[in-house]
Amino acid sequence: MRVVANSATCAVSSLCVYRLPGVFDQDEEGLVLVLDEHPDTGLHEEVRRAVRACPTNSIRVVENG
């Protein structure tokens, strides 16, 4: 799994950061940053939940990436 984010479409909702602060963070403007592009297997389902919760679909998962 590889996690990618598009900060250009980020709405600064912070839901991803609250859900997984070890995987996601925010820059000075509050836009999404991916801290861990290849999270441990134990986090995969939680990452998928964060992707589904993103209101602007700015985060996605590339399986086998």
Protein backbone atom coordinates (compact mmCIF):
# COMPACT_ATOMS: atom_id res chain seq x y z
CA MET A 1 0.00 0.00 0.00
CA ARG A 2 1.12 3.49 -0.84
CA VAL A 3 -0.72 6.57 0.46
CA VAL A 4 -0.85 9.69 -1.69
CA ALA A 5 -2.56 13.03 -1.11
CA ASN A 6 -3.44 16.04 -3.23
CA SER A 7 -2.99 19.18 -1.15
CA ALA A 8 -4.47 21.28 -3.98
CA THR A 9 -7.93 19.83 -3.27
CA CYS A 10 -7.57 19.53 0.53
CA ALA A 11 -10.35 21.28 2.47
CA VAL A 12 -8.35 21.42 5.73
CA SER A 13 -10.91 19.30 7.59
CA SER A 14 -8.10 17.57 9.54
CA LEU A 15 -10.07 14.33 9.77
CA CYS A 16 -7.12 12.31 8.47
CA VAL A 17 -4.73 13.86 11.00
CA TYR A 18 -7.09 13.16 13.91
CA ARG A 19 -7.57 9.58 12.75
CA LEU A 20 -3.93 8.73 11.98
CA PRO A 21 -1.42 11.33 13.20
CA GLY A 22 1.49 8.98 12.44
CA VAL A 23 0.51 8.79 8.78
CA PHE A 24 -0.91 12.26 8.13
CA ASP A 25 -0.03 15.79 9.19
CA GLN A 26 -0.71 19.34 8.01
CA ASP A 27 1.58 22.01 6.63
CA GLU A 28 1.64 25.65 7.79
CA GLU A 29 -1.53 26.34 5.82
CA GLY A 30 -3.35 23.30 7.21
CA LEU A 31 -3.10 21.27 4.03
CA VAL A 32 -2.62 17.52 4.19
CA LEU A 33 0.85 15.99 4.27
CA VAL A 34 1.58 12.27 4.10
CA LEU A 35 4.20 11.39 6.72
CA ASP A 36 4.26 7.65 6.00
CA GLU A 37 3.59 6.69 2.39
CA HIS A 38 3.96 2.99 3.21
CA PRO A 39 2.26 2.41 6.58
CA ASP A 40 2.55 -0.89 8.42
CA THR A 41 0.09 -3.60 7.45
CA GLY A 42 -1.70 -3.21 10.77
CA LEU A 43 -2.72 0.33 9.80
CA HIS A 44 -4.05 -0.45 6.32
CA GLU A 45 -7.73 -0.70 7.29
CA GLU A 46 -7.54 2.52 9.31
CA VAL A 47 -5.87 4.27 6.35
CA ARG A 48 -8.71 3.08 4.11
CA ARG A 49 -11.20 4.53 6.60
CA ALA A 50 -9.37 7.86 6.54
CA VAL A 51 -9.48 7.84 2.74
CA ARG A 52 -13.23 7.22 2.78
CA ALA A 53 -13.74 9.98 5.39
CA CYS A 54 -11.92 12.67 3.40
CA PRO A 55 -14.65 15.12 2.31
CA THR A 56 -12.80 16.16 -0.86
CA ASN A 57 -11.31 12.77 -1.84
CA SER A 58 -7.87 14.31 -1.57
CA ILE A 59 -6.31 11.13 -0.20
CA ARG A 60 -6.04 7.85 -2.02
CA VAL A 61 -4.43 4.48 -1.65
CA VAL A 62 -2.44 2.77 -4.36
CA GLU A 63 -2.61 -0.94 -3.65
CA ASN A 64 0.59 -2.86 -4.28
CA GLY A 65 2.35 0.47 -4.60
